[in-house]
N, C-alpha and C. Protein backbone atom coordinates (compact mmCIF):
# COMPACT_ATOMS: atom_id res chain seq x y z
N UNK A 1 21.66 -6.13 -7.09
CA UNK A 1 21.54 -7.45 -7.72
C UNK A 1 20.87 -8.41 -6.75
N UNK A 2 19.95 -9.23 -7.23
CA UNK A 2 19.21 -10.14 -6.37
C UNK A 2 20.12 -11.21 -5.79
N UNK A 3 19.83 -11.59 -4.57
CA UNK A 3 20.56 -12.66 -3.91
C UNK A 3 20.30 -13.95 -4.67
N UNK A 4 21.34 -14.63 -5.17
CA UNK A 4 21.12 -15.85 -5.96
C UNK A 4 20.48 -16.97 -5.15
N UNK A 5 20.53 -16.87 -3.80
CA UNK A 5 19.91 -17.90 -2.97
C UNK A 5 18.39 -17.79 -2.96
N UNK A 6 17.86 -16.65 -3.43
CA UNK A 6 16.42 -16.46 -3.44
C UNK A 6 15.88 -16.83 -4.82
N UNK A 7 15.27 -17.99 -4.90
CA UNK A 7 14.73 -18.51 -6.15
C UNK A 7 13.32 -17.93 -6.31
N UNK A 8 13.15 -17.01 -7.27
CA UNK A 8 11.85 -16.33 -7.41
C UNK A 8 10.74 -17.26 -7.89
N UNK A 9 11.09 -18.50 -8.27
CA UNK A 9 10.05 -19.45 -8.68
C UNK A 9 9.55 -20.30 -7.51
N UNK A 10 10.19 -20.17 -6.34
CA UNK A 10 9.81 -20.97 -5.18
C UNK A 10 8.69 -20.28 -4.40
N UNK A 11 8.13 -21.00 -3.43
CA UNK A 11 7.09 -20.47 -2.55
C UNK A 11 7.71 -20.16 -1.20
N UNK A 12 7.48 -18.92 -0.70
CA UNK A 12 8.08 -18.49 0.54
C UNK A 12 7.02 -18.01 1.53
N UNK A 13 7.44 -17.91 2.79
CA UNK A 13 6.59 -17.37 3.85
C UNK A 13 7.43 -16.41 4.68
N UNK A 14 6.80 -15.81 5.66
CA UNK A 14 7.48 -14.80 6.47
C UNK A 14 8.72 -15.36 7.16
N UNK A 15 8.71 -16.66 7.51
CA UNK A 15 9.90 -17.26 8.15
C UNK A 15 11.12 -17.15 7.25
N UNK A 16 10.92 -17.26 5.94
CA UNK A 16 12.01 -17.12 4.98
C UNK A 16 12.36 -15.65 4.77
N UNK A 17 11.34 -14.86 4.59
CA UNK A 17 11.47 -13.43 4.27
C UNK A 17 12.33 -12.70 5.29
N UNK A 18 12.09 -12.96 6.59
CA UNK A 18 12.82 -12.19 7.60
C UNK A 18 14.28 -12.60 7.74
N UNK A 19 14.68 -13.66 7.04
CA UNK A 19 16.08 -14.08 7.05
C UNK A 19 16.85 -13.54 5.84
N UNK A 20 16.17 -12.84 4.96
CA UNK A 20 16.82 -12.33 3.75
C UNK A 20 17.66 -11.10 4.04
N UNK A 21 18.58 -10.73 3.14
CA UNK A 21 19.50 -9.61 3.40
C UNK A 21 18.78 -8.30 3.70
N UNK A 22 19.26 -7.58 4.69
CA UNK A 22 18.65 -6.31 5.08
C UNK A 22 18.84 -5.22 4.04
N UNK A 23 19.85 -5.37 3.17
CA UNK A 23 20.12 -4.32 2.19
C UNK A 23 19.34 -4.52 0.90
N UNK A 24 18.41 -5.48 0.87
CA UNK A 24 17.54 -5.69 -0.28
C UNK A 24 16.09 -5.58 0.17
N UNK A 25 15.24 -5.02 -0.68
CA UNK A 25 13.82 -4.92 -0.37
C UNK A 25 13.04 -5.90 -1.22
N UNK A 26 12.26 -6.73 -0.53
CA UNK A 26 11.44 -7.73 -1.19
C UNK A 26 10.00 -7.64 -0.68
N UNK A 27 9.07 -8.13 -1.48
CA UNK A 27 7.71 -8.36 -1.04
C UNK A 27 7.35 -9.81 -1.38
N UNK A 28 6.41 -10.36 -0.62
CA UNK A 28 5.85 -11.67 -0.92
C UNK A 28 4.38 -11.48 -1.23
N UNK A 29 3.94 -12.05 -2.33
CA UNK A 29 2.52 -12.01 -2.68
C UNK A 29 2.09 -13.43 -2.95
N UNK A 30 1.32 -13.97 -2.01
CA UNK A 30 0.88 -15.37 -2.06
C UNK A 30 2.07 -16.31 -2.28
N UNK A 31 3.17 -16.00 -1.58
CA UNK A 31 4.34 -16.86 -1.58
C UNK A 31 5.36 -16.55 -2.65
N UNK A 32 5.00 -15.70 -3.61
CA UNK A 32 5.91 -15.36 -4.70
C UNK A 32 6.77 -14.16 -4.30
N UNK A 33 8.07 -14.26 -4.51
CA UNK A 33 9.00 -13.19 -4.15
C UNK A 33 9.10 -12.16 -5.26
N UNK A 34 8.98 -10.88 -4.86
CA UNK A 34 9.11 -9.75 -5.79
C UNK A 34 10.15 -8.81 -5.24
N UNK A 35 11.23 -8.59 -6.01
CA UNK A 35 12.25 -7.65 -5.56
C UNK A 35 11.82 -6.22 -5.89
N UNK A 36 12.13 -5.30 -4.98
CA UNK A 36 11.75 -3.91 -5.15
C UNK A 36 12.98 -3.06 -5.40
N UNK A 37 12.90 -2.20 -6.40
CA UNK A 37 14.00 -1.30 -6.69
C UNK A 37 13.99 -0.09 -5.78
N UNK A 38 15.04 0.70 -5.86
CA UNK A 38 15.12 1.93 -5.06
C UNK A 38 14.14 2.95 -5.62
N UNK A 39 13.39 3.65 -4.75
CA UNK A 39 12.43 4.63 -5.22
C UNK A 39 13.12 5.88 -5.77
N UNK A 40 12.44 6.59 -6.67
CA UNK A 40 12.97 7.83 -7.20
C UNK A 40 12.73 8.98 -6.22
N UNK A 41 13.38 10.10 -6.45
CA UNK A 41 13.16 11.26 -5.59
C UNK A 41 11.74 11.78 -5.75
N UNK A 42 11.18 11.71 -6.96
CA UNK A 42 9.78 12.12 -7.16
C UNK A 42 8.84 11.26 -6.33
N UNK A 43 9.09 9.96 -6.36
CA UNK A 43 8.29 9.02 -5.58
C UNK A 43 8.36 9.37 -4.10
N UNK A 44 9.55 9.60 -3.58
CA UNK A 44 9.72 9.92 -2.17
C UNK A 44 9.08 11.25 -1.81
N UNK A 45 9.16 12.21 -2.72
CA UNK A 45 8.54 13.52 -2.49
C UNK A 45 7.03 13.38 -2.34
N UNK A 46 6.42 12.55 -3.18
CA UNK A 46 4.97 12.35 -3.11
C UNK A 46 4.57 11.58 -1.86
N UNK A 47 5.35 10.58 -1.49
CA UNK A 47 5.06 9.84 -0.25
C UNK A 47 5.11 10.78 0.94
N UNK A 48 6.14 11.62 0.99
CA UNK A 48 6.28 12.56 2.12
C UNK A 48 5.11 13.54 2.17
N UNK A 49 4.69 14.05 1.00
CA UNK A 49 3.58 15.00 0.96
C UNK A 49 2.28 14.35 1.40
N UNK A 50 2.03 13.13 0.93
CA UNK A 50 0.82 12.42 1.32
C UNK A 50 0.82 12.11 2.81
N UNK A 51 1.96 11.66 3.32
CA UNK A 51 2.04 11.34 4.75
C UNK A 51 1.73 12.57 5.59
N UNK A 52 2.32 13.70 5.23
CA UNK A 52 2.05 14.94 5.98
C UNK A 52 0.57 15.27 5.99
N UNK A 53 -0.07 15.17 4.83
CA UNK A 53 -1.49 15.51 4.72
C UNK A 53 -2.37 14.54 5.51
N UNK A 54 -2.07 13.25 5.40
CA UNK A 54 -2.87 12.25 6.13
C UNK A 54 -2.64 12.38 7.62
N UNK A 55 -1.39 12.51 8.03
CA UNK A 55 -1.07 12.65 9.46
C UNK A 55 -1.79 13.86 10.06
N UNK A 56 -1.82 14.96 9.33
CA UNK A 56 -2.46 16.18 9.83
C UNK A 56 -3.97 16.00 9.98
N UNK A 57 -4.57 15.11 9.17
CA UNK A 57 -6.02 14.90 9.22
C UNK A 57 -6.44 13.92 10.31
N UNK A 58 -5.52 13.12 10.82
CA UNK A 58 -5.87 12.13 11.84
C UNK A 58 -6.03 12.82 13.20
N UNK A 59 -7.13 12.54 13.90
CA UNK A 59 -7.33 13.16 15.22
C UNK A 59 -6.25 12.72 16.21
N UNK A 60 -5.68 13.67 16.93
CA UNK A 60 -4.67 13.34 17.93
C UNK A 60 -5.29 12.49 19.03
N UNK A 61 -4.63 11.41 19.38
CA UNK A 61 -5.14 10.51 20.41
C UNK A 61 -6.17 9.52 19.92
N UNK A 62 -6.50 9.57 18.62
CA UNK A 62 -7.48 8.64 18.06
C UNK A 62 -6.85 7.28 17.78
N UNK A 63 -7.66 6.32 17.36
CA UNK A 63 -7.13 4.96 17.14
C UNK A 63 -6.33 4.80 15.87
N UNK A 64 -6.52 5.70 14.90
CA UNK A 64 -5.87 5.52 13.59
C UNK A 64 -4.44 6.06 13.60
N UNK A 65 -3.57 5.33 12.92
CA UNK A 65 -2.16 5.70 12.85
C UNK A 65 -1.67 5.53 11.42
N UNK A 66 -0.84 6.46 10.96
CA UNK A 66 -0.30 6.41 9.60
C UNK A 66 1.16 5.95 9.63
N UNK A 67 1.53 5.15 8.63
CA UNK A 67 2.91 4.68 8.46
C UNK A 67 3.29 4.80 7.00
N UNK A 68 4.59 5.04 6.73
CA UNK A 68 5.05 5.06 5.35
C UNK A 68 6.17 4.04 5.19
N UNK A 69 6.42 3.65 3.95
CA UNK A 69 7.41 2.61 3.65
C UNK A 69 8.82 3.03 4.08
N UNK A 70 9.63 2.03 4.46
CA UNK A 70 9.31 0.61 4.47
C UNK A 70 8.75 0.14 5.83
N UNK A 71 7.55 -0.41 5.81
CA UNK A 71 7.00 -1.10 6.97
C UNK A 71 6.36 -2.38 6.44
N UNK A 72 6.69 -3.50 7.06
CA UNK A 72 6.14 -4.77 6.61
C UNK A 72 4.69 -4.91 7.05
N UNK A 73 3.85 -5.32 6.11
CA UNK A 73 2.44 -5.59 6.39
C UNK A 73 2.19 -7.06 6.06
N UNK A 74 1.85 -7.84 7.07
CA UNK A 74 1.57 -9.26 6.90
C UNK A 74 0.08 -9.43 6.68
N UNK A 75 -0.28 -10.11 5.59
CA UNK A 75 -1.69 -10.33 5.25
C UNK A 75 -1.97 -11.82 5.25
N UNK A 76 -2.35 -12.37 6.40
CA UNK A 76 -2.59 -13.82 6.48
C UNK A 76 -3.81 -14.26 5.69
N UNK A 77 -3.74 -15.45 5.14
CA UNK A 77 -4.91 -16.00 4.44
C UNK A 77 -6.00 -16.38 5.44
N UNK A 78 -5.57 -16.87 6.62
CA UNK A 78 -6.50 -17.30 7.66
C UNK A 78 -6.06 -16.70 8.99
N UNK A 79 -7.00 -16.27 9.82
CA UNK A 79 -6.64 -15.64 11.11
C UNK A 79 -5.77 -16.52 11.99
N UNK A 80 -5.92 -17.84 11.87
CA UNK A 80 -5.17 -18.75 12.74
C UNK A 80 -3.73 -18.97 12.27
N UNK A 81 -3.38 -18.49 11.09
CA UNK A 81 -2.01 -18.67 10.59
C UNK A 81 -1.02 -17.99 11.53
N UNK A 82 0.07 -18.70 11.85
CA UNK A 82 1.13 -18.07 12.63
C UNK A 82 1.83 -17.04 11.76
N UNK A 83 2.56 -16.12 12.41
CA UNK A 83 3.31 -15.12 11.64
C UNK A 83 4.23 -15.79 10.64
N UNK A 84 4.94 -16.84 11.08
CA UNK A 84 5.89 -17.52 10.21
C UNK A 84 5.24 -18.12 8.97
N UNK A 85 3.95 -18.49 9.05
CA UNK A 85 3.25 -19.13 7.94
C UNK A 85 2.72 -18.15 6.91
N UNK A 86 2.62 -16.88 7.27
CA UNK A 86 2.02 -15.89 6.36
C UNK A 86 2.85 -15.77 5.09
N UNK A 87 2.19 -15.91 3.93
CA UNK A 87 2.95 -15.88 2.67
C UNK A 87 2.69 -14.62 1.83
N UNK A 88 2.08 -13.60 2.46
CA UNK A 88 1.96 -12.30 1.81
C UNK A 88 2.49 -11.24 2.77
N UNK A 89 3.59 -10.62 2.37
CA UNK A 89 4.23 -9.56 3.15
C UNK A 89 4.53 -8.43 2.18
N UNK A 90 3.85 -7.30 2.36
CA UNK A 90 4.01 -6.18 1.43
C UNK A 90 4.51 -4.95 2.18
N UNK A 91 5.02 -4.00 1.40
CA UNK A 91 5.50 -2.72 1.95
C UNK A 91 4.84 -1.59 1.17
N UNK A 92 3.57 -1.31 1.47
CA UNK A 92 2.90 -0.21 0.75
C UNK A 92 3.60 1.12 0.99
N UNK A 93 3.37 2.06 0.09
CA UNK A 93 3.99 3.37 0.25
C UNK A 93 3.44 4.11 1.45
N UNK A 94 2.14 3.96 1.70
CA UNK A 94 1.52 4.63 2.84
C UNK A 94 0.34 3.79 3.30
N UNK A 95 0.18 3.66 4.62
CA UNK A 95 -0.98 2.95 5.17
C UNK A 95 -1.54 3.73 6.35
N UNK A 96 -2.83 3.50 6.60
CA UNK A 96 -3.48 3.96 7.82
C UNK A 96 -4.11 2.74 8.47
N UNK A 97 -3.81 2.55 9.75
CA UNK A 97 -4.33 1.42 10.52
C UNK A 97 -5.16 1.97 11.67
N UNK A 98 -6.41 1.56 11.76
CA UNK A 98 -7.31 2.08 12.80
C UNK A 98 -7.60 1.06 13.89
N UNK A 99 -6.98 -0.11 13.82
CA UNK A 99 -7.09 -1.12 14.87
C UNK A 99 -5.71 -1.28 15.50
N UNK A 100 -5.50 -0.67 16.69
CA UNK A 100 -4.16 -0.70 17.29
C UNK A 100 -3.62 -2.10 17.54
N UNK A 101 -4.50 -3.10 17.66
CA UNK A 101 -4.03 -4.47 17.92
C UNK A 101 -3.27 -5.04 16.73
N UNK A 102 -3.42 -4.45 15.55
CA UNK A 102 -2.71 -4.93 14.36
C UNK A 102 -1.26 -4.45 14.31
N UNK A 103 -0.95 -3.42 15.08
CA UNK A 103 0.39 -2.81 15.02
C UNK A 103 1.31 -3.51 16.01
N UNK A 104 2.29 -4.22 15.49
CA UNK A 104 3.27 -4.93 16.32
C UNK A 104 4.59 -4.16 16.28
N UNK A 105 5.57 -4.67 16.97
CA UNK A 105 6.85 -3.97 17.02
C UNK A 105 7.56 -3.94 15.67
N UNK A 106 7.53 -5.07 14.94
CA UNK A 106 8.30 -5.15 13.69
C UNK A 106 7.44 -5.15 12.44
N UNK A 107 6.13 -5.17 12.57
CA UNK A 107 5.27 -5.23 11.40
C UNK A 107 3.83 -4.89 11.78
N UNK A 108 3.00 -4.76 10.76
CA UNK A 108 1.56 -4.65 10.93
C UNK A 108 0.98 -5.97 10.45
N UNK A 109 0.12 -6.58 11.28
CA UNK A 109 -0.49 -7.85 10.89
C UNK A 109 -1.98 -7.63 10.66
N UNK A 110 -2.41 -7.90 9.43
CA UNK A 110 -3.80 -7.70 9.07
C UNK A 110 -3.98 -6.52 8.14
N UNK A 111 -5.14 -6.44 7.54
CA UNK A 111 -5.39 -5.42 6.52
C UNK A 111 -5.42 -4.02 7.11
N UNK A 112 -4.61 -3.10 6.57
CA UNK A 112 -4.77 -1.69 6.93
C UNK A 112 -6.14 -1.19 6.46
N UNK A 113 -6.58 -0.09 7.03
CA UNK A 113 -7.85 0.49 6.60
C UNK A 113 -7.68 1.25 5.29
N UNK A 114 -6.51 1.87 5.12
CA UNK A 114 -6.21 2.62 3.90
C UNK A 114 -4.82 2.23 3.42
N UNK A 115 -4.69 1.99 2.12
CA UNK A 115 -3.39 1.74 1.48
C UNK A 115 -3.25 2.69 0.30
N UNK A 116 -2.08 3.31 0.17
CA UNK A 116 -1.76 4.14 -1.00
C UNK A 116 -0.50 3.58 -1.64
N UNK A 117 -0.57 3.35 -2.94
CA UNK A 117 0.60 2.94 -3.72
C UNK A 117 0.87 3.98 -4.80
N UNK A 118 2.12 4.42 -4.89
CA UNK A 118 2.53 5.37 -5.93
C UNK A 118 3.28 4.57 -6.99
N UNK A 119 2.78 4.60 -8.20
CA UNK A 119 3.33 3.76 -9.26
C UNK A 119 4.71 4.23 -9.71
N UNK A 120 5.53 3.26 -10.07
CA UNK A 120 6.80 3.51 -10.75
C UNK A 120 6.88 2.49 -11.87
N UNK A 121 7.75 2.69 -12.85
CA UNK A 121 7.80 1.74 -13.97
C UNK A 121 8.02 0.29 -13.52
N UNK A 122 8.78 0.09 -12.45
CA UNK A 122 9.08 -1.28 -12.03
C UNK A 122 7.97 -1.92 -11.21
N UNK A 123 7.03 -1.13 -10.67
CA UNK A 123 5.99 -1.69 -9.80
C UNK A 123 4.58 -1.49 -10.33
N UNK A 124 4.43 -0.80 -11.45
CA UNK A 124 3.11 -0.41 -11.93
C UNK A 124 2.17 -1.61 -12.11
N UNK A 125 2.64 -2.63 -12.82
CA UNK A 125 1.81 -3.80 -13.07
C UNK A 125 1.45 -4.53 -11.79
N UNK A 126 2.41 -4.70 -10.91
CA UNK A 126 2.17 -5.41 -9.65
C UNK A 126 1.15 -4.66 -8.80
N UNK A 127 1.29 -3.34 -8.71
CA UNK A 127 0.38 -2.54 -7.88
C UNK A 127 -1.05 -2.58 -8.41
N UNK A 128 -1.19 -2.65 -9.74
CA UNK A 128 -2.53 -2.61 -10.33
C UNK A 128 -3.16 -3.99 -10.51
N UNK A 129 -2.37 -5.05 -10.37
CA UNK A 129 -2.93 -6.40 -10.54
C UNK A 129 -2.78 -7.22 -9.25
N UNK A 130 -1.57 -7.70 -9.00
CA UNK A 130 -1.36 -8.60 -7.86
C UNK A 130 -1.72 -7.95 -6.53
N UNK A 131 -1.23 -6.73 -6.31
CA UNK A 131 -1.50 -6.08 -5.03
C UNK A 131 -2.95 -5.63 -4.93
N UNK A 132 -3.54 -5.21 -6.02
CA UNK A 132 -4.97 -4.89 -6.03
C UNK A 132 -5.77 -6.09 -5.53
N UNK A 133 -5.48 -7.26 -6.10
CA UNK A 133 -6.24 -8.46 -5.73
C UNK A 133 -6.03 -8.84 -4.28
N UNK A 134 -4.79 -8.78 -3.81
CA UNK A 134 -4.51 -9.20 -2.45
C UNK A 134 -5.07 -8.20 -1.44
N UNK A 135 -5.08 -6.92 -1.78
CA UNK A 135 -5.69 -5.94 -0.89
C UNK A 135 -7.20 -6.15 -0.81
N UNK A 136 -7.81 -6.42 -1.93
CA UNK A 136 -9.25 -6.68 -1.96
C UNK A 136 -9.58 -7.93 -1.14
N UNK A 137 -8.86 -9.02 -1.39
CA UNK A 137 -9.12 -10.28 -0.69
C UNK A 137 -8.87 -10.16 0.81
N UNK A 138 -7.92 -9.33 1.20
CA UNK A 138 -7.55 -9.21 2.61
C UNK A 138 -8.46 -8.25 3.37
N UNK A 139 -9.26 -7.47 2.66
CA UNK A 139 -10.20 -6.58 3.32
C UNK A 139 -9.70 -5.17 3.55
N UNK A 140 -8.76 -4.68 2.73
CA UNK A 140 -8.34 -3.28 2.82
C UNK A 140 -9.52 -2.41 2.40
N UNK A 141 -10.00 -1.56 3.30
CA UNK A 141 -11.23 -0.81 3.07
C UNK A 141 -11.11 0.19 1.91
N UNK A 142 -9.94 0.79 1.77
CA UNK A 142 -9.77 1.83 0.77
C UNK A 142 -8.38 1.72 0.16
N UNK A 143 -8.32 1.75 -1.17
CA UNK A 143 -7.06 1.60 -1.88
C UNK A 143 -6.92 2.72 -2.91
N UNK A 144 -5.83 3.48 -2.79
CA UNK A 144 -5.52 4.56 -3.73
C UNK A 144 -4.32 4.14 -4.58
N UNK A 145 -4.41 4.40 -5.89
CA UNK A 145 -3.28 4.21 -6.80
C UNK A 145 -2.97 5.56 -7.43
N UNK A 146 -1.72 6.00 -7.30
CA UNK A 146 -1.31 7.31 -7.82
C UNK A 146 -0.24 7.09 -8.89
N UNK A 147 -0.44 7.68 -10.06
CA UNK A 147 0.52 7.56 -11.15
C UNK A 147 1.12 8.93 -11.45
N UNK A 148 2.34 9.21 -10.94
CA UNK A 148 2.94 10.52 -11.17
C UNK A 148 3.32 10.76 -12.63
N UNK A 149 3.63 9.70 -13.38
CA UNK A 149 4.00 9.88 -14.79
C UNK A 149 2.78 10.23 -15.64
N UNK A 150 1.69 9.51 -15.43
CA UNK A 150 0.47 9.76 -16.19
C UNK A 150 -0.38 10.87 -15.62
N UNK A 151 -0.02 11.36 -14.42
CA UNK A 151 -0.74 12.46 -13.75
C UNK A 151 -2.20 12.09 -13.44
N UNK A 152 -2.42 10.83 -12.99
CA UNK A 152 -3.76 10.43 -12.61
C UNK A 152 -3.72 9.66 -11.30
N UNK A 153 -4.86 9.56 -10.66
CA UNK A 153 -5.00 8.66 -9.53
C UNK A 153 -6.41 8.09 -9.52
N UNK A 154 -6.55 6.94 -8.85
CA UNK A 154 -7.87 6.34 -8.68
C UNK A 154 -8.02 5.81 -7.27
N UNK A 155 -9.24 5.82 -6.81
CA UNK A 155 -9.57 5.41 -5.45
C UNK A 155 -10.61 4.29 -5.50
N UNK A 156 -10.30 3.18 -4.80
CA UNK A 156 -11.21 2.05 -4.70
C UNK A 156 -11.71 1.94 -3.26
N UNK A 157 -12.98 1.59 -3.11
CA UNK A 157 -13.54 1.38 -1.78
C UNK A 157 -14.20 0.00 -1.74
N UNK A 158 -13.94 -0.73 -0.65
CA UNK A 158 -14.49 -2.07 -0.49
C UNK A 158 -15.99 -2.00 -0.25
N UNK A 159 -16.74 -2.74 -1.04
CA UNK A 159 -18.20 -2.75 -0.90
C UNK A 159 -18.67 -3.80 0.09
N UNK A 160 -19.97 -3.86 0.35
CA UNK A 160 -20.53 -4.84 1.28
C UNK A 160 -20.29 -6.28 0.83
N UNK A 161 -20.06 -6.46 -0.47
CA UNK A 161 -19.79 -7.81 -1.00
C UNK A 161 -18.32 -8.20 -0.88
N UNK A 162 -17.50 -7.32 -0.26
CA UNK A 162 -16.08 -7.62 -0.11
C UNK A 162 -15.28 -7.41 -1.38
N UNK A 163 -15.84 -6.67 -2.33
CA UNK A 163 -15.14 -6.40 -3.59
C UNK A 163 -14.97 -4.90 -3.79
N UNK A 164 -13.95 -4.53 -4.53
CA UNK A 164 -13.79 -3.14 -4.92
C UNK A 164 -14.73 -2.85 -6.08
N UNK A 165 -15.47 -1.77 -5.95
CA UNK A 165 -16.34 -1.38 -7.05
C UNK A 165 -15.59 -0.55 -8.07
N UNK A 166 -16.32 0.15 -8.90
CA UNK A 166 -15.73 1.02 -9.90
C UNK A 166 -14.95 2.13 -9.20
N UNK A 167 -13.74 2.44 -9.66
CA UNK A 167 -12.94 3.45 -8.95
C UNK A 167 -13.42 4.87 -9.23
N UNK A 168 -13.10 5.75 -8.28
CA UNK A 168 -13.19 7.18 -8.53
C UNK A 168 -11.88 7.57 -9.19
N UNK A 169 -11.95 8.19 -10.36
CA UNK A 169 -10.75 8.47 -11.16
C UNK A 169 -10.60 9.97 -11.39
N UNK A 170 -9.36 10.44 -11.27
CA UNK A 170 -9.03 11.81 -11.64
C UNK A 170 -7.84 11.74 -12.60
N UNK A 171 -8.02 12.28 -13.78
CA UNK A 171 -7.00 12.22 -14.82
C UNK A 171 -6.86 13.60 -15.47
N UNK A 172 -5.77 13.85 -16.18
CA UNK A 172 -5.53 15.19 -16.72
C UNK A 172 -6.66 15.69 -17.62
N UNK A 173 -7.27 14.77 -18.40
CA UNK A 173 -8.29 15.18 -19.37
C UNK A 173 -9.70 14.96 -18.84
N UNK A 174 -9.83 14.63 -17.54
CA UNK A 174 -11.15 14.40 -16.97
C UNK A 174 -11.95 15.68 -16.80
N UNK A 175 -13.27 15.56 -16.87
CA UNK A 175 -14.15 16.71 -16.70
C UNK A 175 -14.18 17.13 -15.23
N UNK A 176 -14.31 16.14 -14.35
CA UNK A 176 -14.39 16.43 -12.91
C UNK A 176 -12.99 16.41 -12.31
N UNK A 177 -12.52 17.54 -11.81
CA UNK A 177 -11.20 17.62 -11.20
C UNK A 177 -11.31 17.95 -9.70
N UNK A 178 -12.50 17.78 -9.13
CA UNK A 178 -12.68 18.10 -7.72
C UNK A 178 -11.89 17.13 -6.84
N UNK A 179 -11.46 17.57 -5.64
CA UNK A 179 -10.75 16.67 -4.72
C UNK A 179 -11.62 15.47 -4.36
N UNK A 180 -10.97 14.34 -4.09
CA UNK A 180 -11.69 13.10 -3.75
C UNK A 180 -11.50 12.83 -2.25
N UNK A 181 -12.58 12.82 -1.47
CA UNK A 181 -12.44 12.58 -0.04
C UNK A 181 -12.17 11.11 0.27
N UNK A 182 -11.44 10.88 1.35
CA UNK A 182 -11.17 9.53 1.83
C UNK A 182 -12.36 9.02 2.63
N UNK A 183 -12.66 7.74 2.47
CA UNK A 183 -13.71 7.11 3.27
C UNK A 183 -13.19 6.74 4.66
N UNK A 184 -11.88 6.62 4.80
CA UNK A 184 -11.28 6.19 6.07
C UNK A 184 -10.82 7.37 6.91
N UNK A 185 -10.14 8.32 6.28
CA UNK A 185 -9.56 9.45 7.01
C UNK A 185 -10.44 10.68 6.82
N UNK A 186 -11.27 10.96 7.81
CA UNK A 186 -12.17 12.10 7.73
C UNK A 186 -11.36 13.40 7.65
N UNK A 187 -11.73 14.25 6.72
CA UNK A 187 -11.03 15.51 6.56
C UNK A 187 -9.89 15.47 5.57
N UNK A 188 -9.58 14.28 5.04
CA UNK A 188 -8.50 14.17 4.05
C UNK A 188 -9.11 13.95 2.67
N UNK A 189 -8.70 14.77 1.72
CA UNK A 189 -9.10 14.62 0.32
C UNK A 189 -7.86 14.67 -0.54
N UNK A 190 -7.92 13.97 -1.67
CA UNK A 190 -6.80 13.98 -2.61
C UNK A 190 -7.16 14.87 -3.78
N UNK A 191 -6.32 15.84 -4.04
CA UNK A 191 -6.51 16.79 -5.12
C UNK A 191 -5.44 16.52 -6.18
N UNK A 192 -5.86 16.17 -7.38
CA UNK A 192 -4.90 15.77 -8.43
C UNK A 192 -3.91 16.89 -8.73
N UNK A 193 -4.43 18.11 -8.88
CA UNK A 193 -3.54 19.22 -9.23
C UNK A 193 -2.55 19.52 -8.12
N UNK A 194 -3.06 19.54 -6.88
CA UNK A 194 -2.18 19.88 -5.75
C UNK A 194 -1.12 18.82 -5.52
N UNK A 195 -1.54 17.54 -5.61
CA UNK A 195 -0.58 16.46 -5.36
C UNK A 195 0.40 16.29 -6.51
N UNK A 196 -0.11 16.10 -7.71
CA UNK A 196 0.75 15.74 -8.84
C UNK A 196 1.48 16.95 -9.40
N UNK A 197 1.11 18.13 -8.96
CA UNK A 197 1.89 19.31 -9.29
C UNK A 197 3.24 19.30 -8.57
N UNK A 198 3.35 18.45 -7.53
CA UNK A 198 4.60 18.33 -6.79
C UNK A 198 5.55 17.33 -7.44
N UNK A 199 5.02 16.53 -8.38
CA UNK A 199 5.82 15.46 -8.97
C UNK A 199 6.86 16.00 -9.94
């Protein structure tokens, strides 16, 4: 049950967020509070499988590092914003960060290079609308959305204009079922059958 002291119609920043109860999971998107439910076992199974595959593809000793939820990612509107002022704090299912200076002790500050979100009924709309927009605006180079219920995934890549173009889509009834390579993690490809067969 949500903490009654957290008014979801108010505007919040990281200074507020870090004072909230540890036994509740929240995200902030442009100051708006979003409560997160407990993930399903299918969701966790897919996160674990993706993390293993991505981790195995990252060169040992290289600059890129993979993290899985829950890890706070602060996405400031302006570089000069203090941590306390940041009003977007998300917990993606999986991220890859290739700039070690963004990795702090308690959070990642700045856009990850790769973000993966696995949809659930309670987060589907947010992941495909609000988080899509904030990832694009913040400069996340590559964004994957995986839908275990619908058995599809799509991959967005940031273009030179700072916008996500048309996604690469793999769906059950699609003609092309070939694996989709990552633009960020060399050697990592997402295969719809191999991944969603685990769901």
